[in-house]
Amino acid sequence: MPDKITLINVVWMAMISGMLAATIALYDQKPDQSKIYGPFASARPFVASSQY
């Protein structure tokens, strides 16, 4: 039987991996909106970070 810390680490890694996989899967379904509207691609990180 592994100790508590190992179990917590395994559960945490599984949750993070699942959320990352879900994020990638959901993000891939979005249309590429940079071709439709918005600033130049070089301004994208600033626009995304300024929303929060």
PDB file of N, CA and C in Angstrom:
ATOM      1  N   MET A   1       0.853  -1.199   0.000  1.00  0.00           N
ATOM      2  CA  MET A   1       0.000   0.000   0.000  1.00  0.00           C
ATOM      3  C   MET A   1       0.888   1.249   0.000  1.00  0.00           C
ATOM      4  N   PRO A   2       0.753   2.080  -1.048  1.00  0.00           N
ATOM      5  CA  PRO A   2       1.554   3.311  -1.060  1.00  0.00           C
ATOM      6  C   PRO A   2       1.080   4.292   0.009  1.00  0.00           C
ATOM      7  N   ASP A   3       1.988   5.171   0.389  1.00  0.00           N
ATOM      8  CA  ASP A   3       1.627   6.114   1.448  1.00  0.00           C
ATOM      9  C   ASP A   3       0.697   7.208   0.918  1.00  0.00           C
ATOM     10  N   LYS A   4       0.228   8.061   1.839  1.00  0.00           N
ATOM     11  CA  LYS A   4      -0.780   9.070   1.491  1.00  0.00           C
ATOM     12  C   LYS A   4      -0.266  10.056   0.444  1.00  0.00           C
ATOM     13  N   ILE A   5       0.983  10.476   0.578  1.00  0.00           N
ATOM     14  CA  ILE A   5       1.517  11.487  -0.340  1.00  0.00           C
ATOM     15  C   ILE A   5       1.559  10.945  -1.762  1.00  0.00           C
ATOM     16  N   THR A   6       1.944   9.682  -1.908  1.00  0.00           N
ATOM     17  CA  THR A   6       1.975   9.077  -3.242  1.00  0.00           C
ATOM     18  C   THR A   6       0.573   9.010  -3.835  1.00  0.00           C
ATOM     19  N   LEU A   7      -0.405   8.640  -3.025  1.00  0.00           N
ATOM     20  CA  LEU A   7      -1.781   8.583  -3.515  1.00  0.00           C
ATOM     21  C   LEU A   7      -2.282   9.968  -3.918  1.00  0.00           C
ATOM     22  N   ILE A   8      -1.968  10.974  -3.109  1.00  0.00           N
ATOM     23  CA  ILE A   8      -2.381  12.338  -3.438  1.00  0.00           C
ATOM     24  C   ILE A   8      -1.728  12.782  -4.742  1.00  0.00           C
ATOM     25  N   ASN A   9      -0.450  12.470  -4.912  1.00  0.00           N
ATOM     26  CA  ASN A   9       0.249  12.845  -6.141  1.00  0.00           C
ATOM     27  C   ASN A   9      -0.358  12.157  -7.354  1.00  0.00           C
ATOM     28  N   VAL A  10      -0.715  10.886  -7.220  1.00  0.00           N
ATOM     29  CA  VAL A  10      -1.306  10.153  -8.344  1.00  0.00           C
ATOM     30  C   VAL A  10      -2.671  10.742  -8.700  1.00  0.00           C
ATOM     31  N   VAL A  11      -3.488  11.022  -7.680  1.00  0.00           N
ATOM     32  CA  VAL A  11      -4.808  11.601  -7.938  1.00  0.00           C
ATOM     33  C   VAL A  11      -4.671  12.978  -8.572  1.00  0.00           C
ATOM     34  N   TRP A  12      -3.740  13.787  -8.062  1.00  0.00           N
ATOM     35  CA  TRP A  12      -3.538  15.128  -8.601  1.00  0.00           C
ATOM     36  C   TRP A  12      -3.084  15.064 -10.054  1.00  0.00           C
ATOM     37  N   MET A  13      -2.137  14.177 -10.341  1.00  0.00           N
ATOM     38  CA  MET A  13      -1.646  14.043 -11.717  1.00  0.00           C
ATOM     39  C   MET A  13      -2.764  13.582 -12.647  1.00  0.00           C
ATOM     40  N   ALA A  14      -3.619  12.683 -12.182  1.00  0.00           N
ATOM     41  CA  ALA A  14      -4.727  12.206 -13.017  1.00  0.00           C
ATOM     42  C   ALA A  14      -5.709  13.341 -13.298  1.00  0.00           C
ATOM     43  N   MET A  15      -5.997  14.148 -12.285  1.00  0.00           N
ATOM     44  CA  MET A  15      -6.929  15.263 -12.482  1.00  0.00           C
ATOM     45  C   MET A  15      -6.356  16.290 -13.450  1.00  0.00           C
ATOM     46  N   ILE A  16      -5.096  16.649 -13.264  1.00  0.00           N
ATOM     47  CA  ILE A  16      -4.471  17.640 -14.141  1.00  0.00           C
ATOM     48  C   ILE A  16      -4.396  17.110 -15.568  1.00  0.00           C
ATOM     49  N   SER A  17      -4.042  15.836 -15.719  1.00  0.00           N
ATOM     50  CA  SER A  17      -3.965  15.248 -17.060  1.00  0.00           C
ATOM     51  C   SER A  17      -5.335  15.237 -17.725  1.00  0.00           C
ATOM     52  N   GLY A  18      -6.365  14.912 -16.961  1.00  0.00           N
ATOM     53  CA  GLY A  18      -7.716  14.911 -17.515  1.00  0.00           C
ATOM     54  C   GLY A  18      -8.165  16.295 -17.937  1.00  0.00           C
ATOM     55  N   MET A  19      -7.875  17.300 -17.105  1.00  0.00           N
ATOM     56  CA  MET A  19      -8.266  18.665 -17.460  1.00  0.00           C
ATOM     57  C   MET A  19      -7.492  19.157 -18.677  1.00  0.00           C
ATOM     58  N   LEU A  20      -6.209  18.806 -18.758  1.00  0.00           N
ATOM     59  CA  LEU A  20      -5.413  19.208 -19.914  1.00  0.00           C
ATOM     60  C   LEU A  20      -5.941  18.561 -21.189  1.00  0.00           C
ATOM     61  N   ALA A  21      -6.259  17.273 -21.106  1.00  0.00           N
ATOM     62  CA  ALA A  21      -6.798  16.572 -22.274  1.00  0.00           C
ATOM     63  C   ALA A  21      -8.145  17.160 -22.688  1.00  0.00           C
ATOM     64  N   ALA A  22      -8.991  17.478 -21.708  1.00  0.00           N
ATOM     65  CA  ALA A  22     -10.290  18.065 -22.028  1.00  0.00           C
ATOM     66  C   ALA A  22     -10.123  19.450 -22.644  1.00  0.00           C
ATOM     67  N   THR A  23      -9.188  20.228 -22.128  1.00  0.00           N
ATOM     68  CA  THR A  23      -8.945  21.561 -22.677  1.00  0.00           C
ATOM     69  C   THR A  23      -8.486  21.474 -24.123  1.00  0.00           C
ATOM     70  N   ILE A  24      -7.559  20.567 -24.391  1.00  0.00           N
ATOM     71  CA  ILE A  24      -7.067  20.410 -25.762  1.00  0.00           C
ATOM     72  C   ILE A  24      -8.187  19.931 -26.676  1.00  0.00           C
ATOM     73  N   ALA A  25      -8.981  18.988 -26.216  1.00  0.00           N
ATOM     74  CA  ALA A  25     -10.066  18.451 -27.042  1.00  0.00           C
ATOM     75  C   ALA A  25     -11.106  19.524 -27.339  1.00  0.00           C
ATOM     76  N   LEU A  26     -11.463  20.330 -26.336  1.00  0.00           N
ATOM     77  CA  LEU A  26     -12.463  21.369 -26.558  1.00  0.00           C
ATOM     78  C   LEU A  26     -11.902  22.521 -27.387  1.00  0.00           C
ATOM     79  N   TYR A  27     -10.633  22.837 -27.199  1.00  0.00           N
ATOM     80  CA  TYR A  27     -10.031  23.948 -27.936  1.00  0.00           C
ATOM     81  C   TYR A  27      -9.895  23.610 -29.418  1.00  0.00           C
ATOM     82  N   ASP A  28      -9.670  22.351 -29.727  1.00  0.00           N
ATOM     83  CA  ASP A  28      -9.512  21.942 -31.123  1.00  0.00           C
ATOM     84  C   ASP A  28     -10.810  22.096 -31.898  1.00  0.00           C
ATOM     85  N   GLN A  29     -11.951  22.128 -31.234  1.00  0.00           N
ATOM     86  CA  GLN A  29     -13.229  22.212 -31.930  1.00  0.00           C
ATOM     87  C   GLN A  29     -13.603  23.651 -32.283  1.00  0.00           C
ATOM     88  N   LYS A  30     -12.907  24.627 -31.727  1.00  0.00           N
ATOM     89  CA  LYS A  30     -13.236  26.025 -32.008  1.00  0.00           C
ATOM     90  C   LYS A  30     -12.738  26.403 -33.404  1.00  0.00           C
ATOM     91  N   PRO A  31     -13.492  27.213 -34.125  1.00  0.00           N
ATOM     92  CA  PRO A  31     -12.991  27.697 -35.415  1.00  0.00           C
ATOM     93  C   PRO A  31     -11.849  28.686 -35.201  1.00  0.00           C
ATOM     94  N   ASP A  32     -11.000  28.803 -36.185  1.00  0.00           N
ATOM     95  CA  ASP A  32      -9.878  29.738 -36.088  1.00  0.00           C
ATOM     96  C   ASP A  32     -10.405  31.152 -36.318  1.00  0.00           C
ATOM     97  N   GLN A  33     -10.615  31.888 -35.248  1.00  0.00           N
ATOM     98  CA  GLN A  33     -11.242  33.200 -35.357  1.00  0.00           C
ATOM     99  C   GLN A  33     -10.251  34.288 -35.748  1.00  0.00           C
ATOM    100  N   SER A  34      -8.951  33.987 -35.743  1.00  0.00           N
ATOM    101  CA  SER A  34      -7.986  35.015 -36.099  1.00  0.00           C
ATOM    102  C   SER A  34      -8.101  35.394 -37.569  1.00  0.00           C
ATOM    103  N   LYS A  35      -8.677  34.520 -38.396  1.00  0.00           N
ATOM    104  CA  LYS A  35      -8.848  34.841 -39.811  1.00  0.00           C
ATOM    105  C   LYS A  35     -10.107  35.679 -40.039  1.00  0.00           C
ATOM    106  N   ILE A  36     -10.999  35.716 -39.058  1.00  0.00           N
ATOM    107  CA  ILE A  36     -12.278  36.389 -39.233  1.00  0.00           C
ATOM    108  C   ILE A  36     -12.203  37.825 -38.723  1.00  0.00           C
ATOM    109  N   TYR A  37     -11.719  38.029 -37.510  1.00  0.00           N
ATOM    110  CA  TYR A  37     -11.679  39.362 -36.938  1.00  0.00           C
ATOM    111  C   TYR A  37     -10.600  39.415 -35.872  1.00  0.00           C
ATOM    112  N   GLY A  38     -10.312  40.603 -35.388  1.00  0.00           N
ATOM    113  CA  GLY A  38      -9.398  40.762 -34.272  1.00  0.00           C
ATOM    114  C   GLY A  38      -8.087  41.391 -34.688  1.00  0.00           C
ATOM    115  N   PRO A  39      -7.228  41.658 -33.717  1.00  0.00           N
ATOM    116  CA  PRO A  39      -5.935  42.286 -34.008  1.00  0.00           C
ATOM    117  C   PRO A  39      -4.975  41.302 -34.665  1.00  0.00           C
ATOM    118  N   PHE A  40      -3.808  41.784 -34.984  1.00  0.00           N
ATOM    119  CA  PHE A  40      -2.792  40.918 -35.572  1.00  0.00           C
ATOM    120  C   PHE A  40      -2.389  39.829 -34.587  1.00  0.00           C
ATOM    121  N   ALA A  41      -1.803  38.771 -35.113  1.00  0.00           N
ATOM    122  CA  ALA A  41      -1.453  37.634 -34.268  1.00  0.00           C
ATOM    123  C   ALA A  41      -0.445  38.036 -33.195  1.00  0.00           C
ATOM    124  N   SER A  42       0.403  39.010 -33.485  1.00  0.00           N
ATOM    125  CA  SER A  42       1.403  39.419 -32.503  1.00  0.00           C
ATOM    126  C   SER A  42       0.763  40.092 -31.295  1.00  0.00           C
ATOM    127  N   ALA A  43      -0.463  40.599 -31.450  1.00  0.00           N
ATOM    128  CA  ALA A  43      -1.141  41.266 -30.339  1.00  0.00           C
ATOM    129  C   ALA A  43      -2.011  40.303 -29.541  1.00  0.00           C
ATOM    130  N   ARG A  44      -2.137  39.054 -29.995  1.00  0.00           N
ATOM    131  CA  ARG A  44      -3.030  38.106 -29.340  1.00  0.00           C
ATOM    132  C   ARG A  44      -2.682  37.849 -27.870  1.00  0.00           C
ATOM    133  N   PRO A  45      -1.420  37.573 -27.524  1.00  0.00           N
ATOM    134  CA  PRO A  45      -1.141  37.294 -26.092  1.00  0.00           C
ATOM    135  C   PRO A  45      -1.501  38.472 -25.189  1.00  0.00           C
ATOM    136  N   PHE A  46      -1.254  39.697 -25.636  1.00  0.00           N
ATOM    137  CA  PHE A  46      -1.600  40.861 -24.813  1.00  0.00           C
ATOM    138  C   PHE A  46      -3.111  40.979 -24.654  1.00  0.00           C
ATOM    139  N   VAL A  47      -3.852  40.739 -25.715  1.00  0.00           N
ATOM    140  CA  VAL A  47      -5.310  40.831 -25.643  1.00  0.00           C
ATOM    141  C   VAL A  47      -5.848  39.761 -24.706  1.00  0.00           C
ATOM    142  N   ALA A  48      -5.309  38.545 -24.803  1.00  0.00           N
ATOM    143  CA  ALA A  48      -5.788  37.455 -23.957  1.00  0.00           C
ATOM    144  C   ALA A  48      -5.462  37.729 -22.487  1.00  0.00           C
ATOM    145  N   SER A  49      -4.272  38.267 -22.212  1.00  0.00           N
ATOM    146  CA  SER A  49      -3.890  38.489 -20.818  1.00  0.00           C
ATOM    147  C   SER A  49      -4.586  39.713 -20.233  1.00  0.00           C
ATOM    148  N   SER A  50      -5.037  40.635 -21.079  1.00  0.00           N
ATOM    149  CA  SER A  50      -5.674  41.835 -20.544  1.00  0.00           C
ATOM    150  C   SER A  50      -7.131  41.595 -20.170  1.00  0.00           C
ATOM    151  N   GLN A  51      -7.674  40.434 -20.524  1.00  0.00           N
ATOM    152  CA  GLN A  51      -9.060  40.141 -20.187  1.00  0.00           C
ATOM    153  C   GLN A  51      -9.219  39.731 -18.728  1.00  0.00           C
ATOM    154  N   TYR A  52      -8.127  39.392 -18.064  1.00  0.00           N
ATOM    155  CA  TYR A  52      -8.228  38.867 -16.709  1.00  0.00           C
ATOM    156  C   TYR A  52      -7.670  39.849 -15.709  1.00  0.00           C
TER     157      TYR A  52
END
